[in-house]
Structures are given as structure tokens and as C-alpha cells.
Protein backbone atom coordinates (compact mmCIF):
# COMPACT_ATOMS: atom_id res chain seq x y z
CA MET A 1 1.81 -60.42 68.27
CA GLN A 2 2.62 -63.67 66.14
CA ASN A 3 3.19 -63.42 62.44
CA GLN A 4 5.34 -63.95 59.72
CA PRO A 5 7.06 -62.14 56.91
CA GLN A 6 3.61 -61.91 54.40
CA GLN A 7 4.27 -63.52 51.24
CA THR A 8 3.79 -61.05 47.89
CA GLN A 9 0.44 -62.21 46.27
CA SER A 10 -0.02 -59.02 44.64
CA GLN A 11 0.64 -60.62 41.23
CA LEU A 12 -2.19 -63.31 41.70
CA ALA A 13 -4.81 -60.99 42.43
CA GLN A 14 -4.02 -58.31 39.44
CA ALA A 15 -3.61 -61.88 37.11
CA GLN A 16 -7.32 -62.73 38.51
CA ALA A 17 -8.17 -58.81 38.13
CA GLY A 18 -6.91 -59.20 34.61
CA GLN A 19 -5.17 -55.42 34.86
CA SER A 20 -1.86 -54.09 33.98
CA GLN A 21 0.34 -52.38 35.87
CA ASN A 22 -1.70 -49.16 35.11
CA GLY A 23 -4.82 -50.83 36.68
CA GLN A 24 -6.85 -50.67 32.76
CA MET A 25 -8.31 -54.01 32.07
CA GLN A 26 -7.27 -56.13 29.71
CA SER A 27 -9.49 -57.80 27.13
CA GLN A 28 -9.17 -59.54 24.03
CA SER A 29 -12.20 -60.55 23.22
CA GLY A 30 -14.05 -57.26 22.91
CA PRO A 31 -16.15 -55.68 25.32
CA VAL A 32 -16.06 -57.06 28.48
CA PRO A 33 -19.99 -57.60 30.26
CA CYS A 34 -20.44 -55.80 33.85
CA LEU A 35 -23.14 -55.77 35.91
CA ASP A 36 -24.91 -53.08 35.43
CA GLY A 37 -26.13 -50.93 39.15
CA TYR A 38 -24.01 -53.50 41.11
CA GLU A 39 -22.10 -51.73 43.77
CA THR A 40 -18.91 -53.03 44.75
CA GLY A 41 -18.07 -50.15 47.60
CA SER A 42 -14.55 -50.13 48.89
CA PHE A 43 -14.63 -54.12 48.68
CA PHE A 44 -12.40 -57.09 46.60
CA ASP A 45 -15.21 -58.26 44.85
CA GLU A 46 -14.10 -61.90 43.20
CA VAL A 47 -16.49 -61.87 40.47
CA VAL A 48 -15.91 -57.99 39.36
CA ASP A 49 -13.33 -55.45 39.26
CA GLN A 50 -14.30 -51.91 40.96
CA ASP A 51 -16.37 -51.03 37.78
CA ALA A 52 -18.25 -53.79 38.35
CA CYS A 53 -17.16 -55.09 34.93
CA ALA A 54 -16.30 -59.20 34.76
CA ARG A 55 -13.00 -60.57 35.82
CA PRO A 56 -11.20 -62.43 33.13
CA ASP A 57 -12.63 -66.03 34.35
CA ALA A 58 -16.18 -64.84 34.93
CA VAL A 59 -17.13 -63.27 31.85
CA ALA A 60 -18.99 -66.59 30.87
CA LEU A 61 -21.22 -65.86 34.20
CA VAL A 62 -21.70 -62.19 33.79
CA ASP A 63 -22.53 -62.44 30.50
CA LEU A 64 -25.15 -64.86 31.12
CA ILE A 65 -26.57 -62.96 34.26
CA ASN A 66 -26.83 -59.73 31.61
CA ARG A 67 -28.96 -61.93 29.07
CA LEU A 68 -31.32 -63.49 31.56
CA PRO A 69 -35.18 -62.19 30.72
CA SER A 70 -35.33 -59.54 34.03
CA GLY A 71 -36.82 -62.05 37.15
CA GLU A 72 -35.22 -64.77 35.70
CA LEU A 73 -31.85 -64.90 38.04
CA ASN A 74 -34.68 -64.58 41.18
CA ARG A 75 -36.96 -67.38 39.89
CA ARG A 76 -33.86 -70.08 39.23
CA GLN A 77 -32.21 -68.72 42.52
CA LEU A 78 -36.39 -70.19 44.25
CA ALA A 79 -35.90 -73.22 42.21
CA ILE A 80 -33.00 -74.22 43.75
CA GLU A 81 -34.03 -74.01 47.26
CA ARG A 82 -36.92 -75.71 46.16
CA SER A 83 -34.85 -78.58 44.77
CA LEU A 84 -32.49 -78.46 48.33
CA TYR A 85 -35.49 -78.62 50.37
CA GLN A 86 -37.07 -81.37 48.06
CA MET A 87 -33.52 -83.29 49.28
CA GLY A 88 -33.41 -82.18 52.44
CA ILE A 89 -30.21 -80.59 52.78
CA THR A 90 -30.30 -79.52 56.12
CA PHE A 91 -28.17 -78.70 59.61
CA THR A 92 -29.28 -78.56 62.78
CA VAL A 93 -28.81 -75.00 65.32
CA TYR A 94 -29.57 -76.14 68.69
CA SER A 95 -29.38 -72.50 70.04
CA ASP A 96 -32.45 -71.16 67.45
CA SER A 97 -35.90 -70.89 69.58
CA ALA A 98 -37.52 -70.84 65.99
CA GLY A 99 -36.38 -74.43 65.53
CA THR A 100 -33.18 -76.85 64.94
CA GLU A 101 -33.22 -78.33 61.83
CA LYS A 102 -32.73 -75.77 58.98
CA ILE A 103 -32.14 -75.86 55.17
CA MET A 104 -28.53 -74.82 54.61
CA PRO A 105 -28.69 -71.47 52.68
CA PHE A 106 -27.44 -71.32 49.25
CA ASP A 107 -26.97 -68.46 46.45
CA ILE A 108 -26.91 -68.64 43.06
CA VAL A 109 -24.01 -66.65 42.30
CA PRO A 110 -20.83 -68.81 42.15
CA ARG A 111 -17.27 -67.62 43.49
CA ILE A 112 -14.51 -68.05 40.61
CA ILE A 113 -11.06 -69.14 41.22
CA ALA A 114 -8.60 -68.15 39.34
CA PRO A 115 -5.92 -70.80 38.33
CA ASP A 116 -3.10 -69.09 39.49
CA VAL A 117 -4.76 -67.85 42.95
CA TRP A 118 -5.84 -71.72 43.32
CA THR A 119 -2.21 -73.21 42.39
CA HIS A 120 -1.07 -71.03 45.10
CA ILE A 121 -3.88 -72.09 47.42
CA ASP A 122 -3.41 -75.45 46.90
CA SER A 123 0.53 -75.16 47.44
CA GLY A 124 0.50 -73.74 50.62
CA LEU A 125 -2.72 -76.21 52.34
CA LYS A 126 -0.73 -78.98 51.48
CA GLN A 127 2.58 -77.28 53.17
CA ARG A 128 0.42 -76.73 56.12
CA ILE A 129 -1.39 -80.45 56.11
CA ARG A 130 2.41 -81.72 55.97
CA ALA A 131 3.44 -79.36 58.95
CA LEU A 132 0.61 -80.34 61.07
CA ASN A 133 0.83 -83.96 60.40
CA ARG A 134 4.53 -83.58 62.01
CA PHE A 135 3.36 -81.42 64.65
CA LEU A 136 0.47 -83.67 66.13
CA SER A 137 3.20 -86.70 65.83
CA ASP A 138 5.45 -84.94 68.01
CA ILE A 139 3.86 -83.53 70.01
CA TYR A 140 2.36 -87.22 71.50
CA ASN A 141 5.93 -88.49 71.16
CA GLU A 142 8.91 -86.73 71.54
CA ARG A 143 8.40 -83.17 71.39
CA LYS A 144 11.21 -81.83 70.21
CA ILE A 145 9.54 -78.84 69.11
CA ILE A 146 9.20 -77.97 72.90
CA GLU A 147 12.01 -79.04 73.91
CA ASP A 148 13.84 -76.75 71.36
CA GLY A 149 11.78 -73.73 72.70
CA ILE A 150 9.43 -73.01 69.44
CA ILE A 151 5.99 -73.20 71.04
CA PRO A 152 6.40 -73.31 75.06
CA ALA A 153 4.57 -76.50 76.77
CA SER A 154 2.53 -74.64 78.76
CA ILE A 155 0.30 -73.86 75.24
CA VAL A 156 0.28 -77.35 74.54
CA ASP A 157 -0.57 -78.96 77.85
CA SER A 158 -3.12 -76.25 78.92
CA CYS A 159 -4.96 -76.60 75.18
CA PRO A 160 -8.43 -78.54 76.38
CA ALA A 161 -8.32 -80.69 73.35
CA TYR A 162 -4.86 -82.15 73.89
CA LEU A 163 -5.16 -85.76 75.44
CA PRO A 164 -2.78 -87.23 77.46
CA GLN A 165 -4.29 -90.67 76.98
CA CYS A 166 -2.97 -90.40 73.22
CA ARG A 167 0.24 -90.02 74.11
CA GLY A 168 2.67 -92.85 72.46
CA LEU A 169 0.32 -93.49 69.59
CA ARG A 170 1.87 -93.74 66.22
CA PRO A 171 -1.36 -93.80 63.29
CA PRO A 172 -0.57 -95.70 60.41
CA HIS A 173 2.00 -94.40 57.90
CA ASP A 174 2.19 -91.41 60.77
CA VAL A 175 -0.66 -89.83 59.78
CA TRP A 176 -3.18 -87.73 62.06
CA CYS A 177 -5.05 -85.90 60.15
CA HIS A 178 -6.69 -87.57 56.68
CA ILE A 179 -9.59 -85.52 56.52
CA THR A 180 -9.06 -81.56 57.04
CA GLY A 181 -11.02 -78.28 56.33
CA THR A 182 -9.00 -75.02 56.26
CA ASP A 183 -10.68 -71.94 56.51
CA LEU A 184 -9.32 -69.29 54.00
CA VAL A 185 -10.30 -65.54 53.65
CA ARG A 186 -9.09 -62.74 51.28
CA ASP A 187 -8.20 -59.47 51.91
CA ASN A 188 -9.07 -56.00 50.33
CA ASP A 189 -6.08 -56.40 48.41
CA GLY A 190 -7.10 -60.23 47.09
CA ASN A 191 -4.64 -61.67 49.68
CA VAL A 192 -5.35 -65.27 50.58
CA PHE A 193 -4.95 -65.60 54.75
CA VAL A 194 -5.14 -68.99 56.50
CA LEU A 195 -8.03 -68.27 58.91
CA GLU A 196 -8.27 -71.30 61.24
CA ASP A 197 -7.57 -74.81 60.90
CA ASN A 198 -10.30 -77.69 61.27
CA LEU A 199 -8.71 -80.95 61.75
CA ARG A 200 -10.93 -83.60 64.29
CA CYS A 201 -14.27 -83.69 62.17
CA PRO A 202 -14.66 -81.19 59.70
CA SER A 203 -18.26 -80.85 58.01
CA GLY A 204 -19.82 -78.90 55.16
CA VAL A 205 -17.88 -81.52 51.93
CA SER A 206 -21.81 -82.65 51.11
CA TYR A 207 -23.30 -79.31 50.26
CA VAL A 208 -19.99 -79.10 48.24
CA LEU A 209 -21.46 -81.80 46.41
CA GLN A 210 -24.58 -80.76 46.36
CA ASN A 211 -24.47 -77.33 45.30
CA ARG A 212 -22.65 -78.22 41.87
CA SER A 213 -24.99 -80.89 41.71
CA VAL A 214 -27.62 -77.87 41.43
CA MET A 215 -25.65 -75.19 39.40
CA LYS A 216 -24.89 -77.41 36.44
CA ARG A 217 -28.53 -78.10 36.19
CA ASN A 218 -29.34 -73.94 36.12
CA PHE A 219 -26.02 -72.98 34.46
CA PRO A 220 -25.19 -75.59 32.28
CA GLN A 221 -23.90 -73.21 29.12
CA ALA A 222 -21.70 -70.72 31.67
CA PHE A 223 -20.53 -73.89 33.73
CA THR A 224 -19.02 -75.49 30.53
CA ALA A 225 -17.50 -72.43 29.45
CA SER A 226 -15.97 -71.52 32.57
CA MET A 227 -14.33 -74.78 32.42
CA VAL A 228 -14.23 -75.94 35.79
CA ARG A 229 -13.12 -78.19 37.46
CA PRO A 230 -14.60 -81.26 39.02
CA VAL A 231 -15.41 -82.09 42.76
CA SER A 232 -17.89 -85.09 42.35
CA ASP A 233 -14.82 -87.84 42.86
CA TYR A 234 -14.31 -86.74 46.50
CA PRO A 235 -16.16 -89.53 47.46
CA ALA A 236 -14.64 -92.06 45.79
CA ARG A 237 -10.92 -90.68 46.60
CA LEU A 238 -12.37 -90.52 50.35
CA TYR A 239 -13.07 -94.44 50.05
CA GLN A 240 -10.05 -95.62 49.00
CA MET A 241 -8.32 -93.28 50.97
CA LEU A 242 -10.25 -95.03 54.46
CA ARG A 243 -9.49 -98.55 52.62
CA ARG A 244 -5.58 -97.54 52.27
CA MET A 245 -5.81 -96.83 55.71
CA ALA A 246 -6.92 -100.80 56.84
CA PRO A 247 -4.77 -103.29 58.98
CA ALA A 248 -1.77 -104.40 56.28
CA HIS A 249 -2.88 -107.61 57.12
CA ILE A 250 -6.57 -106.70 55.70
CA THR A 251 -7.41 -107.52 51.94
CA ASN A 252 -10.68 -105.89 51.39
CA PRO A 253 -11.33 -103.61 54.45
CA ASN A 254 -14.73 -102.91 55.82
CA VAL A 255 -15.13 -99.35 56.41
CA VAL A 256 -18.15 -97.87 58.18
CA VAL A 257 -18.94 -94.14 59.34
CA LEU A 258 -19.63 -93.42 62.66
CA THR A 259 -22.02 -91.25 63.61
CA PRO A 260 -23.60 -89.59 67.14
CA GLY A 261 -27.02 -89.40 65.60
CA VAL A 262 -29.80 -88.17 63.98
CA TYR A 263 -29.82 -85.37 66.32
CA ASN A 264 -26.03 -84.45 65.13
CA SER A 265 -26.01 -80.76 63.54
CA ALA A 266 -24.52 -82.56 60.92
CA TYR A 267 -26.21 -85.92 60.31
CA TYR A 268 -27.30 -85.55 57.01
CA GLU A 269 -23.70 -85.14 55.82
CA HIS A 270 -22.69 -88.18 57.47
CA SER A 271 -25.38 -90.40 55.77
CA TYR A 272 -25.01 -88.71 52.46
CA LEU A 273 -21.14 -89.62 52.73
CA ALA A 274 -21.90 -93.38 53.48
CA HIS A 275 -24.07 -93.24 50.80
CA GLN A 276 -22.10 -92.25 48.69
CA MET A 277 -19.19 -94.36 49.08
CA GLY A 278 -21.97 -97.31 49.74
CA VAL A 279 -20.25 -98.13 53.12
CA GLU A 280 -22.12 -98.67 56.55
CA LEU A 281 -23.76 -95.80 58.56
CA VAL A 282 -23.17 -96.82 62.15
CA GLU A 283 -23.50 -95.46 65.58
CA GLY A 284 -21.57 -96.28 69.01
CA ARG A 285 -24.35 -98.44 70.05
CA ASP A 286 -23.59 -101.02 66.78
CA LEU A 287 -20.31 -101.58 67.36
CA LEU A 288 -18.68 -103.79 70.11
CA VAL A 289 -14.67 -104.48 70.75
CA LYS A 290 -14.09 -108.04 71.76
CA ASP A 291 -10.18 -109.20 72.14
CA ASP A 292 -9.04 -105.67 70.62
CA ARG A 293 -11.38 -106.32 67.30
CA VAL A 294 -14.00 -104.19 66.41
CA TYR A 295 -17.30 -105.73 65.25
CA MET A 296 -20.46 -104.97 63.69
CA ARG A 297 -23.78 -105.54 64.85
CA THR A 298 -26.03 -107.28 62.14
CA THR A 299 -28.76 -109.45 61.68
CA ASP A 300 -26.37 -112.15 59.96
CA GLY A 301 -24.18 -111.61 63.17
CA LEU A 302 -21.05 -109.99 64.18
CA GLN A 303 -19.42 -108.70 61.18
CA SER A 304 -15.76 -106.74 61.52
CA VAL A 305 -14.79 -103.49 61.15
CA ASP A 306 -11.17 -102.05 59.77
CA VAL A 307 -11.84 -98.90 58.68
CA ILE A 308 -13.87 -96.24 61.18
CA TYR A 309 -14.28 -92.57 59.72
CA ARG A 310 -15.53 -91.41 63.14
CA ARG A 311 -17.49 -88.37 62.64
CA VAL A 312 -17.64 -88.40 66.63
CA ASP A 313 -15.73 -85.85 69.30
CA ASP A 314 -12.44 -87.28 70.66
CA THR A 315 -13.62 -87.21 74.27
CA PHE A 316 -16.78 -89.29 73.37
CA LEU A 317 -14.94 -91.79 71.40
CA ASP A 318 -14.44 -94.55 74.06
CA PRO A 319 -15.87 -93.95 77.65
CA LYS A 320 -13.06 -96.35 78.86
CA VAL A 321 -10.38 -93.49 77.92
CA PHE A 322 -12.45 -90.48 77.72
CA ASN A 323 -15.64 -89.40 78.93
CA PRO A 324 -16.88 -91.87 81.17
CA LYS A 325 -20.07 -90.69 80.75
CA SER A 326 -20.41 -91.02 76.73
CA VAL A 327 -22.78 -93.14 75.02
CA LEU A 328 -21.83 -91.92 71.64
CA GLY A 329 -18.95 -94.01 71.21
CA VAL A 330 -17.48 -97.57 71.88
CA PRO A 331 -15.95 -99.04 75.15
CA GLY A 332 -12.63 -100.86 74.26
CA LEU A 333 -12.07 -98.57 70.86
CA MET A 334 -8.87 -97.19 72.12
CA SER A 335 -7.50 -100.36 72.74
CA ALA A 336 -7.92 -101.50 69.57
CA TYR A 337 -6.96 -98.74 67.71
CA ARG A 338 -3.57 -99.16 69.58
CA ALA A 339 -3.13 -102.82 68.99
CA GLY A 340 -3.40 -102.01 65.26
CA ASN A 341 -6.55 -103.52 64.52
CA VAL A 342 -8.88 -100.71 63.28
CA ALA A 343 -7.86 -97.58 61.55
CA LEU A 344 -9.21 -94.31 62.83
CA ALA A 345 -9.73 -91.08 60.59
CA ASN A 346 -9.28 -88.73 61.78
CA ALA A 347 -6.80 -89.78 64.77
CA PRO A 348 -7.91 -89.18 68.04
CA GLY A 349 -5.98 -86.27 69.64
CA THR A 350 -5.88 -84.08 66.12
CA GLY A 351 -8.13 -81.22 68.32
CA VAL A 352 -4.87 -79.48 69.85
CA ALA A 353 -4.11 -78.40 65.91
CA ASP A 354 -7.75 -76.82 66.00
CA ASP A 355 -6.83 -74.89 69.12
CA LYS A 356 -6.99 -70.70 67.77
CA VAL A 357 -3.43 -70.06 69.85
CA VAL A 358 -2.00 -72.85 68.56
CA TYR A 359 -2.95 -71.71 65.16
CA ALA A 360 -0.58 -69.10 65.70
CA TYR A 361 2.57 -70.74 65.71
CA VAL A 362 1.70 -72.97 62.56
CA PRO A 363 4.11 -70.59 60.65
CA GLU A 364 6.95 -71.64 62.82
CA MET A 365 5.94 -75.49 62.85
CA ILE A 366 6.38 -75.03 58.98
CA ARG A 367 9.91 -73.74 59.32
CA TYR A 368 10.95 -76.01 62.14
CA TYR A 369 9.69 -79.17 60.76
CA LEU A 370 9.94 -78.40 56.34
CA GLY A 371 12.71 -76.01 56.93
CA GLU A 372 10.22 -73.67 54.40
CA GLU A 373 9.03 -70.30 54.73
CA PRO A 374 4.90 -70.53 54.82
CA ILE A 375 3.29 -70.19 51.32
CA LEU A 376 0.37 -69.28 52.73
CA SER A 377 0.38 -66.40 55.24
CA ASN A 378 -1.96 -66.41 59.07
CA VAL A 379 -4.22 -63.36 60.18
CA PRO A 380 -1.91 -61.88 62.30
CA THR A 381 -2.46 -62.86 65.51
CA TYR A 382 -2.45 -61.26 69.45
CA LEU A 383 -2.37 -63.92 71.99
CA CYS A 384 -3.89 -62.84 75.36
CA ASP A 385 -1.79 -65.25 77.32
CA ARG A 386 1.54 -62.63 76.59
CA GLU A 387 1.22 -59.66 78.42
CA GLU A 388 2.43 -56.95 76.34
CA ASP A 389 -0.21 -58.70 73.36
CA ARG A 390 -2.82 -58.61 76.10
CA ALA A 391 -2.41 -55.04 77.27
CA TYR A 392 -2.95 -53.82 73.43
CA VAL A 393 -6.13 -56.07 72.54
CA LEU A 394 -7.52 -54.81 75.85
CA ASP A 395 -6.30 -51.16 74.93
CA HIS A 396 -8.12 -51.74 71.15
CA LEU A 397 -11.05 -53.72 71.67
CA ASP A 398 -13.42 -51.72 69.32
CA GLU A 399 -11.10 -52.49 66.65
CA LEU A 400 -10.35 -56.20 66.55
CA VAL A 401 -11.51 -59.43 66.17
CA VAL A 402 -11.12 -61.03 69.55
CA LYS A 403 -11.87 -65.53 69.58
CA ALA A 404 -12.09 -67.70 72.24
CA ALA A 405 -9.15 -70.35 71.58
CA GLY A 406 -11.65 -73.76 71.61
CA GLU A 407 -14.58 -72.43 70.28
CA SER A 408 -15.96 -72.78 66.65
CA GLY A 409 -19.25 -72.13 64.07
CA GLY A 410 -19.08 -68.30 64.70
CA TYR A 411 -19.70 -68.59 68.62
CA GLY A 412 -17.50 -66.78 71.03
CA ILE A 413 -16.78 -64.09 68.92
CA LEU A 414 -16.06 -60.59 69.80
CA ILE A 415 -16.02 -58.07 66.34
CA GLY A 416 -14.75 -54.84 68.21
CA PRO A 417 -16.29 -52.46 65.80
CA HIS A 418 -19.63 -53.72 65.51
CA ALA A 419 -19.62 -54.81 69.55
CA THR A 420 -21.43 -52.21 72.11
CA PRO A 421 -19.92 -50.85 74.78
CA GLU A 422 -21.29 -53.20 77.12
CA GLU A 423 -20.15 -56.56 74.98
CA ARG A 424 -16.67 -55.38 74.55
CA GLN A 425 -16.31 -54.62 78.01
CA GLU A 426 -17.87 -58.31 78.72
CA PHE A 427 -15.12 -59.97 76.67
CA ALA A 428 -12.36 -57.64 78.47
CA GLU A 429 -13.72 -58.94 81.46
CA LYS A 430 -13.67 -62.64 80.20
CA ILE A 431 -9.71 -61.97 78.41
CA ILE A 432 -8.79 -61.05 81.76
CA GLU A 433 -10.17 -64.02 83.47
CA ASN A 434 -8.82 -66.45 81.43
CA PRO A 435 -6.15 -65.00 79.05
CA ARG A 436 -4.82 -68.00 77.37
CA ASN A 437 -8.23 -68.88 76.14
CA TYR A 438 -8.46 -65.79 74.04
CA ILE A 439 -7.04 -64.48 70.51
CA ALA A 440 -7.28 -61.22 68.91
CA GLN A 441 -6.58 -60.40 65.10
CA PRO A 442 -7.24 -57.26 62.54
CA THR A 443 -10.51 -56.60 61.20
CA LEU A 444 -9.93 -57.80 57.84
CA GLN A 445 -12.37 -56.24 55.11
CA LEU A 446 -13.11 -59.86 53.56
CA SER A 447 -13.57 -60.07 49.84
CA ARG A 448 -17.11 -60.03 48.50
CA VAL A 449 -19.09 -61.80 45.76
CA PRO A 450 -22.43 -60.85 44.16
CA THR A 451 -25.33 -62.59 45.86
CA MET A 452 -28.89 -62.78 45.21
CA VAL A 453 -31.12 -60.06 47.84
CA GLY A 454 -34.23 -60.35 47.08
CA ASP A 455 -34.55 -59.24 43.19
CA HIS A 456 -31.30 -57.82 42.71
CA LEU A 457 -27.57 -58.60 43.49
CA GLU A 458 -25.52 -57.02 46.30
CA GLY A 459 -22.43 -57.64 47.44
CA ARG A 460 -21.86 -59.97 50.56
CA HIS A 461 -18.86 -61.00 52.42
CA VAL A 462 -17.20 -64.56 51.94
CA ASP A 463 -14.64 -67.46 53.15
CA LEU A 464 -13.89 -70.69 51.41
CA ARG A 465 -13.52 -73.81 53.20
CA PRO A 466 -10.81 -75.91 51.16
CA TYR A 467 -11.26 -79.90 52.41
CA ILE A 468 -7.94 -81.95 52.01
CA LEU A 469 -6.76 -85.56 52.30
CA CYS A 470 -3.59 -86.76 53.62
CA ASP A 471 -2.78 -90.16 52.77
CA GLY A 472 0.83 -90.16 53.86
CA PRO A 473 3.26 -87.96 55.58
CA ASP A 474 3.69 -85.68 51.85
CA ASP A 475 0.69 -87.43 49.87
CA VAL A 476 -1.57 -84.69 50.32
CA TRP A 477 -4.73 -84.12 47.95
CA VAL A 478 -6.64 -80.85 47.76
CA LEU A 479 -10.55 -80.75 46.42
CA PRO A 480 -10.12 -78.38 43.60
CA GLY A 481 -12.85 -75.79 45.42
CA GLY A 482 -14.72 -76.12 48.87
CA LEU A 483 -17.47 -74.57 50.59
CA THR A 484 -17.25 -71.14 50.04
CA ARG A 485 -19.79 -69.67 53.23
CA VAL A 486 -21.15 -66.31 52.76
CA ALA A 487 -22.60 -63.73 54.84
CA LEU A 488 -26.11 -63.12 53.93
CA LYS A 489 -26.25 -60.58 56.35
CA LYS A 490 -25.33 -56.96 54.91
CA GLY A 491 -22.42 -55.83 56.45
CA CYS A 492 -21.91 -59.03 58.83
CA LEU A 493 -17.95 -61.17 58.67
CA VAL A 494 -19.45 -64.49 60.44
CA VAL A 495 -20.01 -66.97 57.64
CA ASN A 496 -21.28 -69.75 59.73
CA SER A 497 -24.66 -71.05 58.56
CA SER A 498 -25.20 -71.49 62.67
CA GLN A 499 -24.96 -67.72 62.52
CA GLY A 500 -27.06 -66.61 59.55
CA GLY A 501 -24.85 -67.61 56.76
CA GLY A 502 -25.53 -69.44 53.55
CA SER A 503 -22.79 -71.05 50.81
CA LYS A 504 -22.29 -71.02 47.10
CA ASP A 505 -20.74 -73.05 44.77
CA THR A 506 -17.35 -72.44 44.15
CA TRP A 507 -15.33 -72.45 40.60
CA VAL A 508 -11.96 -73.64 40.49
CA VAL A 509 -10.54 -72.22 36.59
CA ALA A 510 -8.92 -75.27 35.34
CA GLN A 511 -5.00 -74.62 33.64
CA ALA A 512 -4.40 -76.43 30.55
CA GLY A 513 -4.40 -80.29 30.84
CA GLU A 514 -6.51 -80.03 33.90
CA ALA A 515 -9.66 -82.46 34.12
CA ILE A 516 -13.04 -80.26 33.21
CA ALA A 517 -16.16 -80.85 34.99
CA ARG A 518 -19.12 -82.41 32.90
CA VAL A 519 -22.72 -81.08 32.96
């Protein structure tokens, strides 16, 4: 099993709970408001403590909820849903027989993250991105981490997302993952774990921005009193980062967002970000390569393109290099990229670091490349490619979560305690047939947040996807907040929107001297 010494985070969880060593609530401003009738069960709740009383940074929110007239919270929830529907905030579920285009479910009760907890998350994510960038540069060039026996060559080379066509690539400033979405969870003690990394085309940041917009309108007083850090500057930061990626000789770079088109599940986000940045949204057919330079077709003729924020998967980018049947990419794009005439975010080839087997080695990458202990822990992981791990997993399928290494969106997962004997047997056969493709992890008791269920609040499990921008090997910025995804079905641990999950606004509380969002 791949694991590392767990970072002690109990002080952070205790600080957020506002508790002393004996667990008593501390308050300097009188009685602490509680959610009447709300049950936390045996789970760590991020808004209230085990007695359903507000944690220190959630006092203003819980107090507001208590002062609302009967039915008012539900009324505001419905008003927000109508607003999101009118704004057309959608995603696509290709497997849903009831229709593919869905409105992103939203819950009105925000998740609140204390400053100390966020500082820990921020530091850990920056460390992780620095190591992952070095790993990607290494495995496509010198491969020293393999030579030194830290990660087996078979693990890297057998990964479907490892692209031999990218060997020898040196992106500008040696940055491969410019934009990353890392999925985090908290356990029953409030400890933070990294669940997975998303380095190819991470989606969801548009929901972060729109969720914040509707929440400020509906809870302006609680929002102001909670001293929440802003997220609205993300598009500007993204745009400035993309501009700085341009070839050195370009003084006024032309940036575009490359989308697969209107039928892609995240098309709304592609168009939203392009609009927010004031850049063109293009499809592959809108671009062409001539003399190793990329041009955009316009009504005024060809216009040069210097930076492409690509939301097209790696193997569809260039049919001359990758999938020859792709009609989503641009023939010759990789030649222009290797020539240094266009910048791509993210660099092609980053998908190998998304692989759930490679994920298990990230703590060792941090130690190897940075000489540091990991700040954020991985979830302990069994690799089914190892005989000992595989035997354990097959004997404990009723206790573990099993994941396919290359799947995403909540697909290819077995949650052992909730699965039928037939489902466990099916996964056992898959593991035996292709052990490299599967990992297993303990079933964590994920933290919960109060969530609207009909006309009342119930606890629902959540995860968090912060978004990280990387401008240089050691120049990393983390959006203070991120996409809180919530499993809307009672007892469900799968939070993905494609599996019936929704989202919440994420309030990171500011420390002294930090910017506070305006209403």
C-alpha cells in the first residue's frame, strides 16, 4: 500500500471547531447559535459542531438562517435555482436517457473554511504542483526518477495518458500544468487529504464564479460579516498568466480558448471563460497551421494566434501526431508548438499525472524533487498491480473503494460497503484481468455540510476542488475557495455532477491583511 506518515492536522480541526482540549465550545461574544433539529450523526460537519452549534467562522451564517422566517431559506433556494436556469449554467451527461443537457444543481448553504485550514491547504497544493511539474518534465526527458528507482518505468510507460510523442518537449519556463484542479476531502477528524489530481482540462471553475455571484445577492449581510476572500479575480489572473506564456518575441499576444464544440459537457464553461477574458472562443476548424505558425480564420483574413488555452483532450489536439481520426484539433499544431511559435495551456502529455496509479507516488515525488515532506497527505492507496496489495483488495472488497486508474467523473468506481455481491464479483474479475488499471482505498467518512432537502436541512457529504494557476516552476497561485461538490443523495459518497451531485459556494475566511470580497 502506498502511503506516507500522516501530517498531524488535529490542531487545525480543533481550531476550526473553536474547542479547547476538553472539547468545550469557546465563545467570547455570548451564546453560540445552533441549528435546531439538525443532526450531525457520527460525521465531521464543517459548519456546525457535534451539538449542531456554529463553528467560530460560521456564526453569522447560522445566526442568519435561524432569523429567517419559516420557509424563507427554501424560497431563496428556489430563487437561486431559477436564476441559474435563466443564466443557462449547464453541463452534459451523455449517459442520461432523460436528456443530456442539465442545469447544475446548487445548494444554498455555503461551505466555510477557516483561515488556518486554508493556509494548510494552500501551502500543500503549491508544494504538490511544484513537484508534479518537475515530474512531468523529468519523465518526458531525462527520466531520472525512474533511473533512481522511485517509480517503476512500467507504471509510467503503461499509463494510457503517457504520450511518447511528447518526449523531448520543453514547455516555456518548464511549466507543464498551468491550470490544475485538485480534489480534496476531509475525514471524520477534519483532516485534509488529496483524493486526485486533474492536470489535463480541469473543469468547474465557472460554477465557482457563478455560485459566488448568486450567493452574494441572497446572503449579503452574512457574506459581509463572514469576511470572505474573493474569487472574482480568477478570469483576470488566468488571462494575465496566458499572456505571459506567449513566445518571447510577441509583445501583444493573441489568446484564444480552444473548445471541442457545443456538444462538449463543459461547453458552457469554455464560452463563459472566453467571454470573461475578452478572447475568442474557437474550434479546431477555426484554426490552421502555416509554416509552423497558428492562424485563426476571420472575416478579415488570417489572424495569428500566440497562446491557446485548450479544452480539448491531448490525443485530439493534432491528427498528424496523435489520433488521426480527430476532427477536433488542428493539423500541424504540435509542430508549431515544438517550434516555439505558440504556447499551449496545459502542455500536452500532462494526463499521465492524472492517472490514479501514478497519484500514489506523488508523496515520493515531493520528497525526491523538493526534498520536503508532503504537507497534504494522499488517501492510503493499494495498487492492484502489486501481488500483495491485490490479494488484500480481493479479500476486502466489501470494505474498500475501488477505482479504475484512467476514469473520471465518478465512473468506474466500486464503493464496496454499498455494493451488491454481484457488483463486487464483477469488479474482482476486472481486477484479475487487468490489475494495472485498478487501485483501492479505504472508505473515508467524508465530512458533511448542511444541505437543503425539501424544506429543511440535512447533512450531505462534500469534497473540494481548488483551482491552481502556475506561472513558473515556483510561481503558483491557488484560488481561495474552489468548487465544493455535494452528494445530494442521502448517504452517497459520489459527489460528481454526472452522478447526481451538486455544488455549493465555498467561503474561505480572510486573515488580517488579506483582501475581502465585496458584495
